[in-house]
Each structure stands twice: as structure tokens, then as C-alpha cells.
Amino acid sequence: MTQQVIHPMVKLQRQVSSLVASNILKPTDSIWKIAFLYGNDWSYWKKELLEFGFTMQEPVSELLAVENWEED
């Protein structure tokens, strides 16, 4: 039996999706609002998001819309 490793961005995407479903975040909120919820871990996630071409002003819905997190 083999296990698939989940890309870290998929984990972030699932967590953010859960926050939206719980009405903690709105899909129209800017990605930078996630920083308030991730505290010390935010610098890592911000770096990852920037590497995937996101800006901190984009809406959370853009993060949730990504279907594939493959890196070049």
C-alpha cells in the first residue's frame, strides 16, 4: 500500500477553505488576512504563496480556485 504525500499548499488550501466555510474568512477577503490566523507560521506561507505568483492583495477565492499545485 502506497501513501501519497499531500503538497503543503493543498493543506493550506484545505485549511483556508474550512475557514471560509466557517465564516471566519470571506472569499473576497485579501490573502494577507490569513496572516492573522497563522501567526509565526505566516512567513513560511507568505513565501510559498509569493513563489506561486500570488499577491497579498488577491482575494482568498483565487487561492481556493487552484486545482493543481505542481511546481515547475
N, C-alpha and C. Protein backbone atom coordinates (compact mmCIF):
# COMPACT_ATOMS: atom_id res chain seq x y z
N MET A 1 0.85 -1.18 0.00
CA MET A 1 0.00 0.00 0.00
C MET A 1 0.90 1.24 0.00
N THR A 2 0.65 2.13 -0.93
CA THR A 2 1.45 3.35 -1.02
C THR A 2 0.60 4.53 -0.56
N GLN A 3 1.27 5.47 0.08
CA GLN A 3 0.60 6.68 0.52
C GLN A 3 1.08 7.84 -0.34
N GLN A 4 0.15 8.69 -0.72
CA GLN A 4 0.52 9.88 -1.47
C GLN A 4 0.84 10.99 -0.49
N VAL A 5 1.88 11.73 -0.80
CA VAL A 5 2.24 12.88 0.01
C VAL A 5 1.45 14.07 -0.50
N ILE A 6 0.77 14.75 0.42
CA ILE A 6 -0.03 15.91 0.05
C ILE A 6 0.87 17.14 0.02
N HIS A 7 0.78 17.87 -1.06
CA HIS A 7 1.55 19.11 -1.21
C HIS A 7 1.16 20.07 -0.09
N PRO A 8 2.13 20.75 0.52
CA PRO A 8 1.82 21.68 1.62
C PRO A 8 0.77 22.73 1.24
N MET A 9 0.78 23.16 -0.01
CA MET A 9 -0.20 24.16 -0.43
C MET A 9 -1.62 23.60 -0.45
N VAL A 10 -1.75 22.30 -0.68
CA VAL A 10 -3.07 21.66 -0.62
C VAL A 10 -3.58 21.72 0.82
N LYS A 11 -2.68 21.49 1.77
CA LYS A 11 -3.07 21.57 3.18
C LYS A 11 -3.52 22.98 3.53
N LEU A 12 -2.77 23.98 3.10
CA LEU A 12 -3.15 25.37 3.35
C LEU A 12 -4.49 25.67 2.70
N GLN A 13 -4.65 25.24 1.47
CA GLN A 13 -5.90 25.48 0.74
C GLN A 13 -7.09 24.85 1.49
N ARG A 14 -6.91 23.65 2.00
CA ARG A 14 -8.00 22.99 2.75
C ARG A 14 -8.31 23.75 4.04
N GLN A 15 -7.27 24.22 4.72
CA GLN A 15 -7.48 24.96 5.95
C GLN A 15 -8.21 26.27 5.67
N VAL A 16 -7.80 26.97 4.62
CA VAL A 16 -8.44 28.23 4.26
C VAL A 16 -9.89 27.98 3.83
N SER A 17 -10.11 26.91 3.10
CA SER A 17 -11.47 26.55 2.69
C SER A 17 -12.36 26.31 3.91
N SER A 18 -11.80 25.66 4.90
CA SER A 18 -12.54 25.42 6.15
C SER A 18 -12.85 26.74 6.86
N LEU A 19 -11.91 27.67 6.83
CA LEU A 19 -12.13 28.99 7.45
C LEU A 19 -13.24 29.76 6.73
N VAL A 20 -13.29 29.62 5.40
CA VAL A 20 -14.35 30.26 4.62
C VAL A 20 -15.70 29.61 4.94
N ALA A 21 -15.70 28.29 5.00
CA ALA A 21 -16.94 27.56 5.29
C ALA A 21 -17.46 27.90 6.69
N SER A 22 -16.56 28.21 7.61
CA SER A 22 -16.93 28.58 8.98
C SER A 22 -17.23 30.07 9.13
N ASN A 23 -17.18 30.80 8.03
CA ASN A 23 -17.42 32.25 8.01
C ASN A 23 -16.40 33.04 8.81
N ILE A 24 -15.22 32.49 9.01
CA ILE A 24 -14.13 33.21 9.66
C ILE A 24 -13.46 34.12 8.64
N LEU A 25 -13.36 33.63 7.41
CA LEU A 25 -12.87 34.41 6.27
C LEU A 25 -13.96 34.45 5.22
N LYS A 26 -13.94 35.49 4.41
CA LYS A 26 -14.84 35.58 3.26
C LYS A 26 -14.02 35.33 2.01
N PRO A 27 -14.61 34.78 0.97
CA PRO A 27 -13.87 34.56 -0.29
C PRO A 27 -13.32 35.85 -0.87
N THR A 28 -13.93 36.97 -0.53
CA THR A 28 -13.48 38.26 -1.05
C THR A 28 -12.41 38.91 -0.19
N ASP A 29 -12.12 38.34 0.98
CA ASP A 29 -11.04 38.87 1.83
C ASP A 29 -9.70 38.73 1.13
N SER A 30 -8.81 39.65 1.40
CA SER A 30 -7.45 39.57 0.83
C SER A 30 -6.67 38.45 1.50
N ILE A 31 -5.77 37.86 0.74
CA ILE A 31 -4.95 36.76 1.25
C ILE A 31 -4.18 37.17 2.49
N TRP A 32 -3.77 38.44 2.60
CA TRP A 32 -2.98 38.86 3.76
C TRP A 32 -3.70 38.67 5.07
N LYS A 33 -5.04 38.57 5.05
CA LYS A 33 -5.79 38.37 6.29
C LYS A 33 -5.49 37.01 6.92
N ILE A 34 -4.99 36.09 6.13
CA ILE A 34 -4.61 34.78 6.66
C ILE A 34 -3.49 34.94 7.68
N ALA A 35 -2.69 35.97 7.54
CA ALA A 35 -1.55 36.21 8.44
C ALA A 35 -2.01 36.28 9.89
N PHE A 36 -3.16 36.88 10.13
CA PHE A 36 -3.67 37.00 11.50
C PHE A 36 -3.96 35.63 12.12
N LEU A 37 -4.26 34.66 11.29
CA LEU A 37 -4.63 33.34 11.79
C LEU A 37 -3.45 32.38 11.90
N TYR A 38 -2.36 32.68 11.19
CA TYR A 38 -1.22 31.77 11.17
C TYR A 38 -0.04 32.24 12.01
N GLY A 39 -0.08 33.45 12.52
CA GLY A 39 0.94 33.93 13.44
C GLY A 39 2.36 33.67 12.98
N ASN A 40 3.12 32.93 13.77
CA ASN A 40 4.54 32.68 13.49
C ASN A 40 4.77 31.90 12.21
N ASP A 41 3.79 31.12 11.78
CA ASP A 41 3.94 30.32 10.55
C ASP A 41 3.70 31.15 9.29
N TRP A 42 3.22 32.37 9.43
CA TRP A 42 2.84 33.16 8.27
C TRP A 42 4.01 33.43 7.33
N SER A 43 5.20 33.66 7.85
CA SER A 43 6.33 33.98 6.97
C SER A 43 6.58 32.84 5.99
N TYR A 44 6.44 31.60 6.45
CA TYR A 44 6.61 30.45 5.57
C TYR A 44 5.52 30.45 4.49
N TRP A 45 4.26 30.60 4.91
CA TRP A 45 3.15 30.54 3.95
C TRP A 45 3.18 31.71 2.99
N LYS A 46 3.58 32.88 3.47
CA LYS A 46 3.67 34.04 2.58
C LYS A 46 4.72 33.78 1.50
N LYS A 47 5.86 33.25 1.89
CA LYS A 47 6.93 32.92 0.93
C LYS A 47 6.42 31.92 -0.11
N GLU A 48 5.72 30.90 0.34
CA GLU A 48 5.17 29.89 -0.58
C GLU A 48 4.17 30.52 -1.54
N LEU A 49 3.28 31.33 -1.03
CA LEU A 49 2.27 31.98 -1.88
C LEU A 49 2.92 32.88 -2.91
N LEU A 50 3.91 33.65 -2.49
CA LEU A 50 4.61 34.53 -3.42
C LEU A 50 5.32 33.73 -4.51
N GLU A 51 5.89 32.59 -4.15
CA GLU A 51 6.57 31.74 -5.13
C GLU A 51 5.59 31.19 -6.16
N PHE A 52 4.33 31.03 -5.78
CA PHE A 52 3.32 30.57 -6.72
C PHE A 52 2.64 31.71 -7.46
N GLY A 53 3.16 32.93 -7.27
CA GLY A 53 2.68 34.07 -8.04
C GLY A 53 1.52 34.83 -7.44
N PHE A 54 1.16 34.54 -6.20
CA PHE A 54 0.08 35.27 -5.55
C PHE A 54 0.60 36.60 -5.01
N THR A 55 -0.30 37.57 -4.93
CA THR A 55 -0.01 38.80 -4.20
C THR A 55 -0.87 38.77 -2.94
N MET A 56 -0.47 39.52 -1.96
CA MET A 56 -1.20 39.50 -0.70
C MET A 56 -2.53 40.25 -0.79
N GLN A 57 -2.73 40.99 -1.89
CA GLN A 57 -3.97 41.74 -2.07
C GLN A 57 -5.04 40.93 -2.81
N GLU A 58 -4.66 39.81 -3.38
CA GLU A 58 -5.63 38.99 -4.12
C GLU A 58 -6.66 38.41 -3.15
N PRO A 59 -7.87 38.17 -3.64
CA PRO A 59 -8.89 37.58 -2.77
C PRO A 59 -8.59 36.11 -2.46
N VAL A 60 -9.04 35.67 -1.32
CA VAL A 60 -8.88 34.29 -0.89
C VAL A 60 -9.45 33.33 -1.94
N SER A 61 -10.49 33.75 -2.65
CA SER A 61 -11.11 32.90 -3.66
C SER A 61 -10.11 32.46 -4.73
N GLU A 62 -9.11 33.30 -5.02
CA GLU A 62 -8.07 32.92 -6.01
C GLU A 62 -7.25 31.75 -5.50
N LEU A 63 -6.94 31.74 -4.22
CA LEU A 63 -6.21 30.63 -3.61
C LEU A 63 -7.04 29.36 -3.66
N LEU A 64 -8.32 29.49 -3.37
CA LEU A 64 -9.21 28.33 -3.35
C LEU A 64 -9.48 27.77 -4.75
N ALA A 65 -9.29 28.59 -5.77
CA ALA A 65 -9.59 28.17 -7.15
C ALA A 65 -8.50 27.29 -7.77
N VAL A 66 -7.33 27.24 -7.16
CA VAL A 66 -6.23 26.47 -7.73
C VAL A 66 -6.56 24.98 -7.67
N GLU A 67 -6.40 24.31 -8.81
CA GLU A 67 -6.72 22.89 -8.88
C GLU A 67 -5.48 22.00 -8.82
N ASN A 68 -4.32 22.56 -9.15
CA ASN A 68 -3.11 21.76 -9.19
C ASN A 68 -1.94 22.58 -8.67
N TRP A 69 -1.21 22.05 -7.70
CA TRP A 69 -0.11 22.77 -7.08
C TRP A 69 1.26 22.26 -7.53
N GLU A 70 1.34 21.75 -8.72
CA GLU A 70 2.63 21.25 -9.20
C GLU A 70 3.59 22.41 -9.41
N GLU A 71 4.83 22.15 -9.04
CA GLU A 71 5.86 23.15 -9.20
C GLU A 71 6.63 22.88 -10.50
N ASP A 72 7.10 23.94 -11.13
CA ASP A 72 7.86 23.79 -12.36
C ASP A 72 9.27 23.30 -12.08
